[in-house]
């Protein structure tokens, strides 16, 4: 096996975005992420401050969404969301492009919209994942978004919100890795539900993966590596991401 537990755990952004999750579910999800030492918790914005408090002192980052899930907020509102998120302890911001403007070919608007959030985040020393929502786009849209994100030095390009009509596909991940600059990482979201799926996208050059089935994937990883099980009392929250 050409991976360690740490390699795979630090690929996972544990998703807590399902709108039906209760406060108890969100707290349990944060504690589960801590126990499994994943890369980050991506949580609903209102719960971010609590999440950041729970994760403080760990290697698990607090993250949240901007313009989620449709990307239709004005740029000024997206920037305000980013500022609030950073004030609440956010280290990674997952922003949705304006899908309507992408499909309309309004690339100057799209570029300015993405830049507005990246500028806020990078000025504070934090990172941005730019969500394309590929299920609604043609390849030429995805390629142009990769070009723009490369120019603006986005930290990741990301396939999906998990709330569109489809999630990450291998074809899209190959396309994004090919057309994004080397300094831009690729994140898969939606559809990676088991360890073999995680390993498959890793082989395509993916460095992060949004997941709600974190416990199942990493328990399987530990079994395959003959590592002891991680004991957690909280049931993993199912976020549907």
Protein backbone atom coordinates (compact mmCIF):
# COMPACT_ATOMS: atom_id res chain seq x y z
CA UNK A 1 0.00 0.00 0.00
CA UNK A 2 1.43 3.36 -1.02
CA UNK A 3 -0.34 5.45 1.62
CA UNK A 4 -0.44 6.02 5.34
CA UNK A 5 -3.43 6.72 7.54
CA UNK A 6 -2.27 10.33 7.82
CA UNK A 7 -2.14 10.66 4.02
CA UNK A 8 -5.81 9.77 3.68
CA UNK A 9 -7.19 11.39 6.84
CA UNK A 10 -5.66 14.71 5.77
CA UNK A 11 -7.49 14.49 2.44
CA UNK A 12 -10.89 14.67 4.12
CA UNK A 13 -12.99 17.76 4.74
CA UNK A 14 -15.66 16.34 7.05
CA UNK A 15 -18.94 17.84 5.85
CA UNK A 16 -21.57 19.14 8.25
CA UNK A 17 -23.73 21.08 5.80
CA UNK A 18 -27.03 19.23 5.75
CA UNK A 19 -29.62 21.81 6.90
CA UNK A 20 -31.41 19.27 9.12
CA UNK A 21 -28.41 18.66 11.38
CA UNK A 22 -29.07 19.73 14.96
CA UNK A 23 -26.61 21.50 17.23
CA UNK A 24 -25.93 18.15 18.91
CA UNK A 25 -25.21 16.59 15.51
CA UNK A 26 -22.81 19.41 14.64
CA UNK A 27 -20.92 19.09 17.92
CA UNK A 28 -20.72 15.32 17.48
CA UNK A 29 -19.43 15.79 13.94
CA UNK A 30 -16.69 18.14 15.12
CA UNK A 31 -15.62 15.69 17.81
CA UNK A 32 -15.59 12.83 15.33
CA UNK A 33 -13.38 14.90 13.00
CA UNK A 34 -11.01 15.53 15.90
CA UNK A 35 -10.85 11.85 16.81
CA UNK A 36 -10.01 10.86 13.24
CA UNK A 37 -7.66 13.86 12.74
CA UNK A 38 -9.03 14.84 9.34
CA UNK A 39 -8.01 17.92 7.34
CA UNK A 40 -10.98 20.11 8.20
CA UNK A 41 -14.60 20.39 9.23
CA UNK A 42 -16.78 22.23 6.73
CA UNK A 43 -19.74 23.46 8.71
CA UNK A 44 -22.74 25.75 8.26
CA UNK A 45 -21.69 29.38 8.76
CA UNK A 46 -23.82 30.02 11.84
CA UNK A 47 -22.04 27.17 13.67
CA UNK A 48 -18.54 28.12 12.60
CA UNK A 49 -17.48 29.94 15.76
CA UNK A 50 -18.48 26.98 17.93
CA UNK A 51 -16.67 24.66 15.52
CA UNK A 52 -13.48 26.75 15.63
CA UNK A 53 -13.60 26.72 19.43
CA UNK A 54 -13.92 22.92 19.50
CA UNK A 55 -11.05 22.47 17.03
CA UNK A 56 -8.69 25.00 18.61
CA UNK A 57 -5.27 23.52 19.38
CA UNK A 58 -5.73 20.62 16.97
CA UNK A 59 -4.49 20.05 13.41
CA UNK A 60 -8.09 20.00 12.11
CA UNK A 61 -9.03 23.26 10.41
CA UNK A 62 -12.37 25.05 10.66
CA UNK A 63 -13.96 25.78 7.29
CA UNK A 64 -17.29 27.04 5.99
CA UNK A 65 -19.16 27.99 2.83
CA UNK A 66 -19.54 31.30 0.99
CA UNK A 67 -22.43 31.98 -1.41
CA UNK A 68 -23.65 28.44 -0.81
CA UNK A 69 -25.14 26.52 -2.54
CA UNK A 70 -26.08 28.47 -5.69
CA UNK A 71 -23.45 31.22 -5.87
CA UNK A 72 -26.04 33.88 -6.64
CA UNK A 73 -25.24 36.30 -3.82
CA UNK A 74 -23.75 39.64 -4.80
CA UNK A 75 -19.98 39.90 -4.59
CA UNK A 76 -20.32 42.38 -1.72
CA UNK A 77 -22.34 39.85 0.28
CA UNK A 78 -19.83 37.09 -0.47
CA UNK A 79 -17.05 39.35 0.77
CA UNK A 80 -19.04 40.16 3.91
CA UNK A 81 -19.60 36.43 4.47
CA UNK A 82 -15.87 35.85 4.08
CA UNK A 83 -15.02 38.61 6.54
CA UNK A 84 -17.49 37.25 9.09
CA UNK A 85 -16.22 33.71 8.63
CA UNK A 86 -12.61 34.75 9.18
CA UNK A 87 -13.60 36.71 12.29
CA UNK A 88 -15.30 33.55 13.57
CA UNK A 89 -12.14 31.47 13.10
CA UNK A 90 -12.42 30.15 9.55
CA UNK A 91 -9.17 28.96 7.96
CA UNK A 92 -10.54 27.65 4.65
CA UNK A 93 -13.46 29.16 2.72
CA UNK A 94 -15.41 27.12 0.16
CA UNK A 95 -17.03 29.66 -2.19
CA UNK A 96 -19.49 28.98 -5.02
CA UNK A 97 -19.01 30.81 -8.32
CA UNK A 98 -21.95 32.69 -9.79
CA UNK A 99 -23.26 29.83 -11.93
CA UNK A 100 -25.66 32.04 -13.87
CA UNK A 101 -22.87 34.39 -14.88
CA UNK A 102 -20.61 31.50 -15.86
CA UNK A 103 -23.32 30.09 -18.13
CA UNK A 104 -23.92 33.60 -19.52
CA UNK A 105 -20.25 33.93 -20.44
CA UNK A 106 -19.84 37.02 -18.24
CA UNK A 107 -16.23 36.23 -17.45
CA UNK A 108 -15.24 39.68 -16.18
CA UNK A 109 -18.01 39.44 -13.58
CA UNK A 110 -17.03 35.88 -12.67
CA UNK A 111 -13.38 36.82 -12.27
CA UNK A 112 -14.19 39.85 -10.10
CA UNK A 113 -16.56 37.77 -7.96
CA UNK A 114 -13.92 35.10 -7.28
CA UNK A 115 -11.21 37.72 -6.75
CA UNK A 116 -13.35 39.54 -4.19
CA UNK A 117 -13.40 36.51 -1.88
CA UNK A 118 -9.81 35.44 -2.54
CA UNK A 119 -8.54 38.94 -1.74
CA UNK A 120 -10.36 38.96 1.61
CA UNK A 121 -9.16 35.48 2.55
CA UNK A 122 -5.56 35.84 1.43
CA UNK A 123 -5.21 39.22 3.17
CA UNK A 124 -6.06 37.37 6.39
CA UNK A 125 -3.69 34.48 5.62
CA UNK A 126 -6.53 32.01 4.95
CA UNK A 127 -7.32 29.81 1.95
CA UNK A 128 -10.09 29.53 -0.64
CA UNK A 129 -11.64 26.60 -2.48
CA UNK A 130 -13.60 27.73 -5.54
CA UNK A 131 -16.66 25.54 -6.25
CA UNK A 132 -17.64 25.23 -9.93
CA UNK A 133 -20.81 23.04 -9.67
CA UNK A 134 -19.72 21.07 -12.71
CA UNK A 135 -23.04 19.27 -13.20
CA UNK A 136 -24.42 22.46 -14.77
CA UNK A 137 -21.38 23.36 -16.87
CA UNK A 138 -19.77 22.41 -20.16
CA UNK A 139 -16.08 21.54 -20.38
CA UNK A 140 -15.26 24.95 -21.84
CA UNK A 141 -16.75 26.60 -18.74
CA UNK A 142 -14.71 24.38 -16.44
CA UNK A 143 -11.51 25.06 -18.37
CA UNK A 144 -12.01 28.82 -18.27
CA UNK A 145 -12.76 28.68 -14.54
CA UNK A 146 -9.52 26.74 -14.01
CA UNK A 147 -7.65 29.42 -15.95
CA UNK A 148 -9.20 32.24 -13.90
CA UNK A 149 -8.59 30.47 -10.59
CA UNK A 150 -4.98 29.79 -11.58
CA UNK A 151 -4.43 33.45 -12.42
CA UNK A 152 -6.02 34.58 -9.15
CA UNK A 153 -4.04 31.98 -7.18
CA UNK A 154 -7.01 30.20 -5.68
CA UNK A 155 -5.86 27.47 -3.32
CA UNK A 156 -8.22 24.80 -4.68
CA UNK A 157 -10.67 24.29 -7.49
CA UNK A 158 -13.59 22.14 -6.40
CA UNK A 159 -16.08 20.11 -8.40
CA UNK A 160 -19.39 20.53 -6.62
CA UNK A 161 -21.45 21.66 -3.66
CA UNK A 162 -23.01 18.24 -3.16
CA UNK A 163 -26.43 19.84 -3.63
CA UNK A 164 -26.56 20.01 -7.43
CA UNK A 165 -27.70 17.26 -9.79
CA UNK A 166 -24.35 15.47 -9.66
CA UNK A 167 -21.04 15.33 -7.84
CA UNK A 168 -17.41 14.67 -8.66
CA UNK A 169 -16.68 12.56 -11.75
CA UNK A 170 -13.32 11.16 -12.73
CA UNK A 171 -13.52 12.91 -16.10
CA UNK A 172 -14.05 16.28 -14.41
CA UNK A 173 -11.23 15.68 -11.96
CA UNK A 174 -8.83 14.81 -14.79
CA UNK A 175 -9.92 17.93 -16.67
CA UNK A 176 -9.48 20.18 -13.66
CA UNK A 177 -6.08 18.74 -12.77
CA UNK A 178 -4.95 19.19 -16.38
CA UNK A 179 -6.11 22.79 -16.72
CA UNK A 180 -5.46 24.18 -13.24
CA UNK A 181 -1.93 25.45 -12.61
CA UNK A 182 0.36 23.31 -10.44
CA UNK A 183 -0.03 25.73 -7.52
CA UNK A 184 -3.82 25.13 -7.49
CA UNK A 185 -5.01 21.97 -5.76
CA UNK A 186 -8.12 19.98 -6.73
CA UNK A 187 -10.96 19.01 -4.39
CA UNK A 188 -13.62 16.38 -5.13
CA UNK A 189 -17.05 16.78 -3.57
CA UNK A 190 -20.13 14.62 -3.91
CA UNK A 191 -20.08 10.92 -4.69
CA UNK A 192 -16.94 9.71 -2.89
CA UNK A 193 -18.50 7.36 -0.38
CA UNK A 194 -15.93 4.69 0.45
CA UNK A 195 -12.20 4.13 0.80
CA UNK A 196 -11.75 2.77 -2.69
CA UNK A 197 -13.42 5.89 -4.06
CA UNK A 198 -11.08 8.06 -2.02
CA UNK A 199 -8.04 6.15 -3.26
CA UNK A 200 -9.26 6.44 -6.85
CA UNK A 201 -9.54 10.24 -6.76
CA UNK A 202 -6.18 10.46 -5.00
CA UNK A 203 -4.64 8.72 -7.99
CA UNK A 204 -6.13 11.44 -10.20
CA UNK A 205 -4.28 14.16 -8.28
CA UNK A 206 -7.00 15.15 -5.82
CA UNK A 207 -5.66 16.49 -2.52
CA UNK A 208 -8.98 17.05 -0.70
CA UNK A 209 -12.35 15.36 -0.67
CA UNK A 210 -15.59 16.49 0.91
CA UNK A 211 -17.12 13.58 2.80
CA UNK A 212 -19.89 12.76 5.22
CA UNK A 213 -18.95 9.07 5.49
CA UNK A 214 -15.64 9.91 7.10
CA UNK A 215 -15.90 7.33 9.86
CA UNK A 216 -16.63 4.43 7.49
CA UNK A 217 -13.82 5.37 5.11
CA UNK A 218 -11.19 5.85 7.78
CA UNK A 219 -12.25 2.81 9.79
CA UNK A 220 -11.73 0.79 6.61
CA UNK A 221 -8.34 2.44 6.12
CA UNK A 222 -7.25 1.52 9.62
CA UNK A 223 -8.39 -2.09 9.12
CA UNK A 224 -6.39 -2.39 5.91
CA UNK A 225 -3.31 -0.92 7.59
CA UNK A 226 -3.74 -3.14 10.67
CA UNK A 227 -4.13 -0.14 12.94
CA UNK A 228 -6.27 -0.14 16.09
CA UNK A 229 -9.82 1.14 15.80
CA UNK A 230 -10.62 4.65 16.97
CA UNK A 231 -13.18 4.69 19.76
CA UNK A 232 -15.79 7.42 19.47
CA UNK A 233 -18.98 7.64 21.47
CA UNK A 234 -20.70 10.03 19.09
CA UNK A 235 -22.51 8.68 16.08
CA UNK A 236 -21.19 10.14 12.83
CA UNK A 237 -23.51 12.83 11.52
CA UNK A 238 -24.81 12.11 8.01
CA UNK A 239 -24.49 15.34 6.08
CA UNK A 240 -25.41 14.12 2.61
CA UNK A 241 -22.41 15.85 1.05
